[in-house]
N, C-alpha and C. Protein backbone atom coordinates (compact mmCIF):
# COMPACT_ATOMS: atom_id res chain seq x y z
N UNK A 1 -83.86 -77.68 -47.73
CA UNK A 1 -82.84 -77.26 -47.21
C UNK A 1 -83.28 -75.26 -47.46
N UNK A 2 -82.35 -74.37 -46.12
CA UNK A 2 -83.21 -73.16 -46.50
C UNK A 2 -81.87 -72.71 -47.00
N UNK A 3 -81.94 -71.37 -46.84
CA UNK A 3 -81.77 -70.89 -47.73
C UNK A 3 -80.54 -69.73 -46.47
N UNK A 4 -79.66 -68.96 -46.24
CA UNK A 4 -79.20 -68.30 -45.07
C UNK A 4 -78.24 -67.14 -45.67
N UNK A 5 -78.38 -66.13 -45.32
CA UNK A 5 -77.41 -64.33 -45.51
C UNK A 5 -76.94 -64.26 -44.55
N UNK A 6 -75.32 -64.72 -44.59
CA UNK A 6 -74.84 -64.93 -44.22
C UNK A 6 -73.87 -63.35 -43.98
N UNK A 7 -73.67 -62.53 -43.23
CA UNK A 7 -72.79 -61.76 -42.90
C UNK A 7 -71.80 -61.50 -42.10
N UNK A 8 -70.23 -61.42 -43.19
CA UNK A 8 -69.01 -61.49 -41.83
C UNK A 8 -68.98 -59.25 -41.65
N UNK A 9 -68.23 -59.75 -40.69
CA UNK A 9 -67.21 -58.24 -40.45
C UNK A 9 -66.24 -58.07 -40.43
N UNK A 10 -64.99 -57.48 -41.41
CA UNK A 10 -64.08 -57.81 -41.00
C UNK A 10 -63.86 -57.42 -39.69
N UNK A 11 -62.23 -57.61 -38.72
CA UNK A 11 -61.18 -57.51 -37.76
C UNK A 11 -61.01 -56.43 -38.28
N UNK A 12 -60.79 -55.17 -37.18
CA UNK A 12 -59.88 -53.69 -37.16
C UNK A 12 -58.66 -54.42 -38.11
N UNK A 13 -57.54 -52.99 -38.99
CA UNK A 13 -56.79 -53.64 -39.88
C UNK A 13 -56.53 -54.46 -40.06
N UNK A 14 -57.34 -55.42 -40.20
CA UNK A 14 -56.59 -56.94 -41.38
C UNK A 14 -56.76 -56.76 -42.38
N UNK A 15 -56.51 -55.87 -43.04
CA UNK A 15 -56.07 -55.30 -44.51
C UNK A 15 -54.65 -56.56 -44.94
N UNK A 16 -54.06 -56.36 -44.19
CA UNK A 16 -52.39 -57.20 -44.72
C UNK A 16 -52.83 -58.82 -44.40
N UNK A 17 -53.17 -58.93 -43.73
CA UNK A 17 -53.77 -60.62 -43.58
C UNK A 17 -54.44 -61.41 -44.17
N UNK A 18 -55.67 -60.18 -44.72
CA UNK A 18 -57.15 -60.64 -45.39
C UNK A 18 -56.46 -61.12 -47.20
N UNK A 19 -55.23 -60.21 -47.45
CA UNK A 19 -54.79 -60.52 -48.49
C UNK A 19 -53.50 -61.44 -48.57
N UNK A 20 -53.28 -61.84 -47.74
CA UNK A 20 -52.32 -63.48 -47.16
C UNK A 20 -52.89 -64.06 -47.18
N UNK A 21 -53.93 -64.04 -46.56
CA UNK A 21 -54.96 -65.63 -46.69
C UNK A 21 -56.15 -65.41 -47.19
N UNK A 22 -55.69 -64.42 -48.54
CA UNK A 22 -57.70 -64.47 -49.01
C UNK A 22 -57.50 -65.69 -50.63
N UNK A 23 -56.17 -66.74 -50.65
CA UNK A 23 -56.62 -67.90 -51.29
C UNK A 23 -56.58 -68.84 -50.75
N UNK A 24 -56.34 -69.29 -49.70
CA UNK A 24 -57.04 -70.24 -49.18
C UNK A 24 -58.38 -70.45 -48.47
N UNK A 25 -58.69 -68.55 -48.54
CA UNK A 25 -59.85 -68.24 -48.04
C UNK A 25 -60.75 -69.05 -49.41
N UNK A 26 -60.20 -68.23 -50.29
CA UNK A 26 -61.75 -68.45 -51.67
C UNK A 26 -61.64 -69.99 -52.34
N UNK A 27 -60.07 -70.81 -51.43
CA UNK A 27 -60.36 -71.82 -51.70
C UNK A 27 -61.07 -72.53 -51.49
N UNK A 28 -61.74 -72.70 -50.20
CA UNK A 28 -62.49 -73.06 -49.08
C UNK A 28 -64.21 -72.32 -49.73
N UNK A 29 -63.69 -71.06 -49.71
CA UNK A 29 -65.12 -71.48 -50.43
C UNK A 29 -65.68 -72.26 -51.56
N UNK A 30 -64.91 -71.98 -52.11
CA UNK A 30 -65.11 -72.39 -53.81
C UNK A 30 -65.09 -74.81 -53.44
N UNK A 31 -64.54 -74.66 -52.95
CA UNK A 31 -64.59 -76.19 -52.76
C UNK A 31 -66.55 -76.34 -51.69
N UNK A 32 -67.16 -75.32 -50.57
CA UNK A 32 -67.62 -75.24 -50.22
C UNK A 32 -68.82 -74.85 -51.46
N UNK A 33 -68.96 -74.16 -52.69
CA UNK A 33 -69.65 -74.03 -53.47
C UNK A 33 -70.28 -75.10 -55.13
N UNK A 34 -68.31 -75.95 -54.61
CA UNK A 34 -68.70 -77.18 -55.13
C UNK A 34 -69.68 -78.11 -54.60
N UNK A 35 -69.38 -78.09 -53.80
CA UNK A 35 -70.17 -79.34 -52.38
C UNK A 35 -72.07 -78.46 -52.55
N UNK A 36 -72.25 -77.23 -52.87
CA UNK A 36 -73.38 -76.80 -52.95
C UNK A 36 -73.94 -76.17 -51.76
N UNK A 37 -73.12 -75.62 -50.55
CA UNK A 37 -73.66 -75.14 -49.30
C UNK A 37 -73.51 -73.29 -50.20
N UNK A 38 -72.34 -73.11 -49.83
CA UNK A 38 -72.29 -71.33 -50.84
C UNK A 38 -72.45 -71.30 -52.35
N UNK A 39 -73.09 -71.08 -52.12
CA UNK A 39 -73.88 -70.30 -53.27
C UNK A 39 -73.36 -68.57 -54.07
N UNK A 40 -73.54 -68.09 -53.29
CA UNK A 40 -72.67 -66.94 -53.89
C UNK A 40 -72.18 -66.01 -52.85
N UNK A 41 -70.66 -65.34 -53.14
CA UNK A 41 -70.01 -64.77 -51.87
C UNK A 41 -69.21 -63.75 -52.12
N UNK A 42 -68.76 -62.62 -51.48
CA UNK A 42 -68.25 -61.46 -51.81
C UNK A 42 -68.17 -60.46 -50.94
N UNK A 43 -66.59 -59.72 -51.43
CA UNK A 43 -66.90 -58.21 -50.41
C UNK A 43 -67.87 -57.35 -50.65
N UNK A 44 -68.06 -56.32 -49.47
CA UNK A 44 -69.23 -55.21 -49.74
C UNK A 44 -68.19 -54.31 -50.85
N UNK A 45 -68.50 -53.37 -51.31
CA UNK A 45 -67.57 -51.96 -51.78
C UNK A 45 -66.78 -51.62 -50.50
N UNK A 46 -65.75 -50.46 -51.48
CA UNK A 46 -64.99 -50.07 -50.44
C UNK A 46 -65.44 -48.75 -50.15
N UNK A 47 -66.45 -48.32 -50.44
CA UNK A 47 -66.92 -47.82 -49.40
C UNK A 47 -67.59 -47.70 -47.97
N UNK A 48 -68.12 -48.96 -47.92
CA UNK A 48 -68.67 -49.66 -47.55
C UNK A 48 -67.60 -49.84 -45.93
N UNK A 49 -68.21 -50.32 -44.69
CA UNK A 49 -67.42 -50.85 -43.85
C UNK A 49 -67.02 -52.40 -44.40
N UNK A 50 -65.75 -52.64 -43.64
CA UNK A 50 -65.30 -54.03 -44.23
C UNK A 50 -65.71 -55.17 -43.75
N UNK A 51 -66.36 -56.58 -44.47
CA UNK A 51 -67.15 -57.27 -44.58
C UNK A 51 -67.41 -57.79 -45.98
N UNK A 52 -68.47 -58.57 -45.74
CA UNK A 52 -68.63 -59.72 -46.96
C UNK A 52 -70.19 -60.17 -46.82
N UNK A 53 -70.59 -60.62 -47.64
CA UNK A 53 -71.74 -61.27 -47.71
C UNK A 53 -71.82 -62.52 -48.74
N UNK A 54 -72.03 -63.55 -47.61
CA UNK A 54 -72.17 -64.99 -48.69
C UNK A 54 -73.64 -65.53 -48.39
N UNK A 55 -74.58 -65.74 -49.59
CA UNK A 55 -75.45 -66.24 -48.77
C UNK A 55 -75.31 -68.50 -49.36
N UNK A 56 -75.69 -68.91 -48.07
CA UNK A 56 -75.50 -70.80 -48.27
C UNK A 56 -76.68 -71.59 -47.78
N UNK A 57 -76.90 -72.00 -48.55
CA UNK A 57 -77.75 -73.54 -48.21
C UNK A 57 -77.59 -74.35 -47.74
N UNK A 58 -78.36 -74.57 -45.60
CA UNK A 58 -77.94 -75.38 -45.47
C UNK A 58 -79.14 -75.88 -45.11
N UNK A 59 -79.16 -76.60 -43.53
CA UNK A 59 -80.27 -77.27 -43.08
C UNK A 59 -80.33 -76.48 -41.87
N UNK A 60 -80.07 -75.40 -41.22
CA UNK A 60 -79.57 -74.64 -40.00
C UNK A 60 -79.13 -73.90 -40.16
N UNK A 61 -78.68 -72.85 -39.39
CA UNK A 61 -78.39 -71.64 -39.23
C UNK A 61 -76.95 -72.18 -38.31
N UNK A 62 -77.65 -73.44 -37.51
CA UNK A 62 -75.82 -74.13 -36.77
C UNK A 62 -75.05 -75.21 -37.69
N UNK A 63 -75.80 -75.66 -38.88
CA UNK A 63 -74.85 -76.26 -39.95
C UNK A 63 -73.96 -75.52 -40.94
N UNK A 64 -74.40 -73.99 -40.86
CA UNK A 64 -73.76 -73.12 -41.52
C UNK A 64 -72.37 -72.38 -40.90
N UNK A 65 -73.07 -72.38 -39.83
CA UNK A 65 -71.87 -71.51 -38.70
C UNK A 65 -70.96 -72.58 -38.50
N UNK A 66 -70.63 -73.59 -38.41
CA UNK A 66 -70.03 -74.89 -38.25
C UNK A 66 -69.40 -74.36 -39.69
N UNK A 67 -69.19 -75.41 -40.82
CA UNK A 67 -68.77 -74.84 -41.55
C UNK A 67 -68.03 -73.26 -41.88
N UNK A 68 -68.43 -72.31 -41.57
CA UNK A 68 -68.18 -71.07 -41.46
C UNK A 68 -66.62 -71.13 -40.78
N UNK A 69 -66.46 -72.20 -39.05
CA UNK A 69 -65.94 -71.71 -38.52
C UNK A 69 -64.70 -72.18 -39.34
N UNK A 70 -64.39 -73.80 -40.08
CA UNK A 70 -63.48 -73.37 -40.40
C UNK A 70 -62.95 -73.02 -42.41
N UNK A 71 -63.77 -71.71 -41.85
CA UNK A 71 -62.85 -70.20 -43.22
C UNK A 71 -61.59 -70.40 -42.58
N UNK A 72 -60.37 -69.94 -43.33
CA UNK A 72 -58.96 -69.44 -43.23
C UNK A 72 -59.08 -68.48 -42.77
N UNK A 73 -60.55 -67.52 -43.14
CA UNK A 73 -60.30 -65.69 -42.42
C UNK A 73 -60.71 -66.30 -41.47
N UNK A 74 -61.99 -67.25 -40.59
CA UNK A 74 -62.16 -67.35 -39.42
C UNK A 74 -60.92 -67.43 -38.80
N UNK A 75 -60.73 -68.69 -38.59
CA UNK A 75 -59.21 -68.72 -38.67
C UNK A 75 -57.90 -68.53 -37.92
N UNK A 76 -58.34 -67.39 -38.47
CA UNK A 76 -57.09 -66.61 -38.25
C UNK A 76 -57.58 -65.54 -37.43
N UNK A 77 -58.95 -65.55 -37.69
CA UNK A 77 -59.44 -64.30 -36.93
C UNK A 77 -59.52 -62.89 -37.13
N UNK A 78 -59.65 -63.39 -38.41
CA UNK A 78 -59.67 -62.01 -39.08
C UNK A 78 -61.23 -61.44 -39.48
N UNK A 79 -62.13 -62.36 -38.77
CA UNK A 79 -64.16 -61.81 -38.80
C UNK A 79 -63.40 -61.71 -37.75
N UNK A 80 -64.49 -60.38 -37.09
CA UNK A 80 -64.54 -59.98 -35.90
C UNK A 80 -66.17 -60.59 -35.71
N UNK A 81 -66.81 -60.21 -36.43
CA UNK A 81 -68.28 -60.58 -36.51
C UNK A 81 -68.80 -61.32 -37.56
N UNK A 82 -69.63 -62.50 -36.86
CA UNK A 82 -70.85 -63.46 -38.05
C UNK A 82 -72.42 -63.71 -37.83
N UNK A 83 -72.89 -62.69 -38.59
CA UNK A 83 -74.53 -63.07 -38.47
C UNK A 83 -74.85 -64.25 -40.29
N UNK A 84 -75.22 -64.98 -39.07
CA UNK A 84 -76.46 -66.24 -39.59
C UNK A 84 -77.89 -66.23 -40.03
N UNK A 85 -78.40 -65.77 -40.38
CA UNK A 85 -79.99 -65.05 -40.45
C UNK A 85 -80.60 -66.27 -42.14
N UNK A 86 -81.77 -67.12 -41.35
CA UNK A 86 -82.31 -68.20 -42.69
C UNK A 86 -82.69 -66.26 -43.66
N UNK A 87 -83.05 -66.74 -44.99
CA UNK A 87 -83.32 -65.30 -45.50
C UNK A 87 -84.35 -66.64 -46.60
N UNK A 88 -85.68 -65.15 -47.22
CA UNK A 88 -86.59 -66.08 -48.09
C UNK A 88 -85.94 -65.33 -49.80
N UNK A 89 -85.86 -65.81 -50.43
CA UNK A 89 -85.94 -65.20 -51.87
C UNK A 89 -87.46 -65.12 -52.34
N UNK A 90 -87.33 -63.88 -52.70
CA UNK A 90 -89.52 -63.89 -53.29
C UNK A 90 -89.67 -63.11 -54.52
N UNK A 91 -88.75 -62.48 -55.07
CA UNK A 91 -89.15 -61.47 -56.16
C UNK A 91 -87.77 -61.85 -56.82
N UNK A 92 -87.48 -61.58 -57.75
CA UNK A 92 -86.16 -61.54 -58.52
C UNK A 92 -85.91 -62.45 -59.40
N UNK A 93 -84.66 -61.97 -60.42
CA UNK A 93 -84.73 -63.10 -61.34
C UNK A 93 -83.55 -64.38 -60.57
N UNK A 94 -83.79 -63.98 -59.60
CA UNK A 94 -82.69 -65.65 -58.66
C UNK A 94 -83.27 -65.91 -58.09
N UNK A 95 -84.77 -65.73 -57.75
CA UNK A 95 -85.39 -65.69 -56.40
C UNK A 95 -85.90 -67.17 -56.45
N UNK A 96 -86.48 -67.63 -58.20
CA UNK A 96 -86.22 -68.96 -58.30
C UNK A 96 -85.13 -70.32 -57.57
N UNK A 97 -83.56 -69.78 -58.09
CA UNK A 97 -83.27 -70.78 -58.16
C UNK A 97 -82.72 -70.97 -56.29
N UNK A 98 -82.76 -69.66 -55.68
CA UNK A 98 -82.51 -69.76 -54.33
C UNK A 98 -83.86 -70.33 -53.44
N UNK A 99 -85.60 -70.87 -54.02
CA UNK A 99 -86.07 -71.60 -53.22
C UNK A 99 -85.57 -73.03 -53.10
N UNK A 100 -86.17 -73.30 -51.52
CA UNK A 100 -86.06 -74.91 -51.09
C UNK A 100 -86.56 -75.63 -52.28
């Protein structure tokens, strides 16, 4: 299975709604982590545009997109844009853990 880099761009003025739905969002992604699909995920820093980076393992970009469609943040319209790109880990201490 391949690794996919996913970027979320959060919807404008969605801070309060994200706070409200964050527990369900994290529970959902935690379940995907237990299944081995969500390798790591988290928001960008406070000085950056609101969004997040997620690394997923999956059979295809479409498979990853289907999983993300059930994320409470996506269901609630809190994510304005989702980008899914296949990504290859080449160097660094995590690279050997992310290779197929």
